[in-house]
Amino acid sequence: QVQLVESGGGLVQAGDSLRLSCAASGGTFSSYAMGWFRQVPGKEREFAAAMTWSGGATLYADSVKGRFTISRDNAKNTVYLQLNSLKPEDTAVYYCAAALRTWPLSPRSRSYDYWGQGTQVTVSS
């Protein structure tokens, strides 16, 4: 059983940056593909980014491509999401997730087996 704990969210202004972290425990972190999703109240969870266990491949949603960067440190059992050039529409709860099936990378939430509790990102205009 993998436990995921996100941190790093907060209130920022449009154009600012944040780095989210997701610490994993209870499993072999390097065996999982990792993803980041986000959700606003009343809407479905939306894919943001994913990365293979080796970090050799990534996948991004069009809405964040060029602004967000996913990375991971397997030695620290941590995956990161760097959020740059933030916009008010990026406001959401951000979740990290781990997938036992590591390839191909998937933008579908049902492809992920473990989820964190989320961290709030609020971007003011």
C-alpha atoms as a PDB file:
ATOM      1  CA  GLN A   1       0.000   0.000   0.000  1.00  0.00           C
ATOM      2  CA  VAL A   2       1.447   3.324  -1.113  1.00  0.00           C
ATOM      3  CA  GLN A   3       0.797   6.519   0.793  1.00  0.00           C
ATOM      4  CA  LEU A   4       1.146   9.837  -1.015  1.00  0.00           C
ATOM      5  CA  VAL A   5       1.318  13.211   0.690  1.00  0.00           C
ATOM      6  CA  GLU A   6       1.273  16.437  -1.299  1.00  0.00           C
ATOM      7  CA  SER A   7       2.612  19.775  -0.125  1.00  0.00           C
ATOM      8  CA  GLY A   8       3.592  23.145  -1.515  1.00  0.00           C
ATOM      9  CA  GLY A   9       0.242  24.615  -2.416  1.00  0.00           C
ATOM     10  CA  GLY A  10      -0.739  28.140  -1.520  1.00  0.00           C
ATOM     11  CA  LEU A  11      -2.127  31.483  -2.582  1.00  0.00           C
ATOM     12  CA  VAL A  12      -0.181  33.275  -5.299  1.00  0.00           C
ATOM     13  CA  GLN A  13      -0.726  35.971  -7.875  1.00  0.00           C
ATOM     14  CA  ALA A  14      -1.075  35.465 -11.604  1.00  0.00           C
ATOM     15  CA  GLY A  15       2.334  35.022 -13.183  1.00  0.00           C
ATOM     16  CA  ASP A  16       3.907  33.580 -10.050  1.00  0.00           C
ATOM     17  CA  SER A  17       5.395  30.125  -9.608  1.00  0.00           C
ATOM     18  CA  LEU A  18       4.954  27.277  -7.159  1.00  0.00           C
ATOM     19  CA  ARG A  19       6.545  23.896  -6.706  1.00  0.00           C
ATOM     20  CA  LEU A  20       4.374  21.083  -5.474  1.00  0.00           C
ATOM     21  CA  SER A  21       5.885  18.024  -3.860  1.00  0.00           C
ATOM     22  CA  CYS A  22       4.482  14.559  -3.353  1.00  0.00           C
ATOM     23  CA  ALA A  23       6.220  12.273  -0.897  1.00  0.00           C
ATOM     24  CA  ALA A  24       5.590   8.554  -1.223  1.00  0.00           C
ATOM     25  CA  SER A  25       5.939   5.826   1.365  1.00  0.00           C
ATOM     26  CA  GLY A  26       4.959   2.222   1.833  1.00  0.00           C
ATOM     27  CA  GLY A  27       5.917   0.941  -1.571  1.00  0.00           C
ATOM     28  CA  THR A  28       8.649   0.722  -4.166  1.00  0.00           C
ATOM     29  CA  PHE A  29       8.405   4.251  -5.474  1.00  0.00           C
ATOM     30  CA  SER A  30      10.607   3.634  -8.462  1.00  0.00           C
ATOM     31  CA  SER A  31       8.183   0.988  -9.741  1.00  0.00           C
ATOM     32  CA  TYR A  32       5.346   3.416 -10.346  1.00  0.00           C
ATOM     33  CA  ALA A  33       4.470   5.882 -13.000  1.00  0.00           C
ATOM     34  CA  MET A  34       3.487   9.116 -11.295  1.00  0.00           C
ATOM     35  CA  GLY A  35       0.913  11.670 -12.273  1.00  0.00           C
ATOM     36  CA  TRP A  36      -0.529  14.988 -11.209  1.00  0.00           C
ATOM     37  CA  PHE A  37      -4.193  15.870 -11.526  1.00  0.00           C
ATOM     38  CA  ARG A  38      -6.259  18.822 -10.459  1.00  0.00           C
ATOM     39  CA  GLN A  39      -9.875  19.390  -9.577  1.00  0.00           C
ATOM     40  CA  VAL A  40     -12.184  22.306  -8.953  1.00  0.00           C
ATOM     41  CA  PRO A  41     -15.522  21.940  -7.174  1.00  0.00           C
ATOM     42  CA  GLY A  42     -18.261  20.681  -9.438  1.00  0.00           C
ATOM     43  CA  LYS A  43     -15.886  19.499 -12.153  1.00  0.00           C
ATOM     44  CA  GLU A  44     -14.201  16.232 -12.964  1.00  0.00           C
ATOM     45  CA  ARG A  45     -10.626  15.611 -11.987  1.00  0.00           C
ATOM     46  CA  GLU A  46      -8.371  16.878 -14.759  1.00  0.00           C
ATOM     47  CA  PHE A  47      -5.049  15.426 -15.848  1.00  0.00           C
ATOM     48  CA  ALA A  48      -2.034  17.727 -15.690  1.00  0.00           C
ATOM     49  CA  ALA A  49       1.165  15.704 -16.100  1.00  0.00           C
ATOM     50  CA  ALA A  50       2.691  12.253 -15.770  1.00  0.00           C
ATOM     51  CA  MET A  51       6.126  10.692 -15.773  1.00  0.00           C
ATOM     52  CA  THR A  52       7.523   7.185 -16.102  1.00  0.00           C
ATOM     53  CA  TRP A  53       9.416   5.578 -13.252  1.00  0.00           C
ATOM     54  CA  SER A  54      12.739   6.366 -14.887  1.00  0.00           C
ATOM     55  CA  GLY A  55      11.802   9.924 -15.742  1.00  0.00           C
ATOM     56  CA  GLY A  56      12.570   9.162 -19.352  1.00  0.00           C
ATOM     57  CA  ALA A  57       9.119   9.975 -20.640  1.00  0.00           C
ATOM     58  CA  THR A  58       6.564  12.595 -19.724  1.00  0.00           C
ATOM     59  CA  LEU A  59       3.045  13.496 -20.738  1.00  0.00           C
ATOM     60  CA  TYR A  60       1.357  16.861 -20.308  1.00  0.00           C
ATOM     61  CA  ALA A  61      -2.106  18.232 -20.774  1.00  0.00           C
ATOM     62  CA  ASP A  62      -2.271  20.904 -23.448  1.00  0.00           C
ATOM     63  CA  SER A  63      -3.519  23.383 -20.867  1.00  0.00           C
ATOM     64  CA  VAL A  64      -0.275  23.208 -18.881  1.00  0.00           C
ATOM     65  CA  LYS A  65       2.299  22.313 -21.530  1.00  0.00           C
ATOM     66  CA  GLY A  66       5.175  24.768 -21.506  1.00  0.00           C
ATOM     67  CA  ARG A  67       4.252  26.116 -18.058  1.00  0.00           C
ATOM     68  CA  PHE A  68       4.309  23.063 -15.784  1.00  0.00           C
ATOM     69  CA  THR A  69       7.159  20.586 -15.373  1.00  0.00           C
ATOM     70  CA  ILE A  70       6.981  17.219 -13.686  1.00  0.00           C
ATOM     71  CA  SER A  71      10.085  15.648 -12.186  1.00  0.00           C
ATOM     72  CA  ARG A  72      10.934  12.980  -9.700  1.00  0.00           C
ATOM     73  CA  ASP A  73      13.706  11.978  -7.329  1.00  0.00           C
ATOM     74  CA  ASN A  74      13.525   8.241  -6.752  1.00  0.00           C
ATOM     75  CA  ALA A  75      16.190   8.443  -4.045  1.00  0.00           C
ATOM     76  CA  LYS A  76      13.868  10.721  -2.072  1.00  0.00           C
ATOM     77  CA  ASN A  77      10.645   8.956  -3.077  1.00  0.00           C
ATOM     78  CA  THR A  78       9.304  12.289  -4.213  1.00  0.00           C
ATOM     79  CA  VAL A  79       7.676  13.636  -7.343  1.00  0.00           C
ATOM     80  CA  TYR A  80       7.439  17.340  -8.071  1.00  0.00           C
ATOM     81  CA  LEU A  81       5.303  19.606 -10.187  1.00  0.00           C
ATOM     82  CA  GLN A  82       6.799  22.977 -11.010  1.00  0.00           C
ATOM     83  CA  LEU A  83       4.071  25.468 -11.846  1.00  0.00           C
ATOM     84  CA  ASN A  84       5.202  28.574 -13.716  1.00  0.00           C
ATOM     85  CA  SER A  85       3.305  31.487 -15.228  1.00  0.00           C
ATOM     86  CA  LEU A  86       0.291  30.632 -13.139  1.00  0.00           C
ATOM     87  CA  LYS A  87      -3.141  31.780 -14.241  1.00  0.00           C
ATOM     88  CA  PRO A  88      -6.355  32.157 -12.246  1.00  0.00           C
ATOM     89  CA  GLU A  89      -7.776  29.181 -14.142  1.00  0.00           C
ATOM     90  CA  ASP A  90      -5.031  27.032 -12.595  1.00  0.00           C
ATOM     91  CA  THR A  91      -6.794  27.384  -9.258  1.00  0.00           C
ATOM     92  CA  ALA A  92      -7.669  23.876  -8.053  1.00  0.00           C
ATOM     93  CA  VAL A  93      -6.824  21.154  -5.612  1.00  0.00           C
ATOM     94  CA  TYR A  94      -3.806  19.325  -6.991  1.00  0.00           C
ATOM     95  CA  TYR A  95      -3.445  15.597  -6.442  1.00  0.00           C
ATOM     96  CA  CYS A  96      -0.559  13.283  -7.104  1.00  0.00           C
ATOM     97  CA  ALA A  97      -1.185   9.690  -8.062  1.00  0.00           C
ATOM     98  CA  ALA A  98       0.762   6.489  -8.606  1.00  0.00           C
ATOM     99  CA  ALA A  99       0.101   3.903 -11.281  1.00  0.00           C
ATOM    100  CA  LEU A 100       1.168   0.277 -11.106  1.00  0.00           C
ATOM    101  CA  ARG A 101       0.892   0.056 -14.853  1.00  0.00           C
ATOM    102  CA  THR A 102       3.813   2.147 -15.929  1.00  0.00           C
ATOM    103  CA  TRP A 103       3.445   2.206 -19.714  1.00  0.00           C
ATOM    104  CA  PRO A 104       1.967   3.810 -21.643  1.00  0.00           C
ATOM    105  CA  LEU A 105       1.534   6.917 -19.568  1.00  0.00           C
ATOM    106  CA  SER A 106      -2.118   7.652 -19.101  1.00  0.00           C
ATOM    107  CA  PRO A 107      -4.103  10.883 -18.693  1.00  0.00           C
ATOM    108  CA  ARG A 108      -7.069   8.952 -17.257  1.00  0.00           C
ATOM    109  CA  SER A 109      -7.603   9.049 -13.527  1.00  0.00           C
ATOM    110  CA  ARG A 110      -8.862   5.455 -13.517  1.00  0.00           C
ATOM    111  CA  SER A 111      -5.400   4.316 -14.621  1.00  0.00           C
ATOM    112  CA  TYR A 112      -3.940   5.347 -11.264  1.00  0.00           C
ATOM    113  CA  ASP A 113      -4.065   3.145  -8.220  1.00  0.00           C
ATOM    114  CA  TYR A 114      -3.049   5.387  -5.331  1.00  0.00           C
ATOM    115  CA  TRP A 115      -3.896   8.996  -4.580  1.00  0.00           C
ATOM    116  CA  GLY A 116      -2.811  11.676  -2.182  1.00  0.00           C
ATOM    117  CA  GLN A 117      -5.144  13.922  -0.232  1.00  0.00           C
ATOM    118  CA  GLY A 118      -4.488  16.990  -2.369  1.00  0.00           C
ATOM    119  CA  THR A 119      -3.024  20.448  -1.908  1.00  0.00           C
ATOM    120  CA  GLN A 120      -4.848  23.680  -2.723  1.00  0.00           C
ATOM    121  CA  VAL A 121      -3.441  26.099  -5.264  1.00  0.00           C
ATOM    122  CA  THR A 122      -5.169  29.449  -5.544  1.00  0.00           C
ATOM    123  CA  VAL A 123      -4.108  31.989  -8.151  1.00  0.00           C
ATOM    124  CA  SER A 124      -5.455  35.511  -7.819  1.00  0.00           C
ATOM    125  CA  SER A 125      -5.743  37.866 -10.764  1.00  0.00           C
END
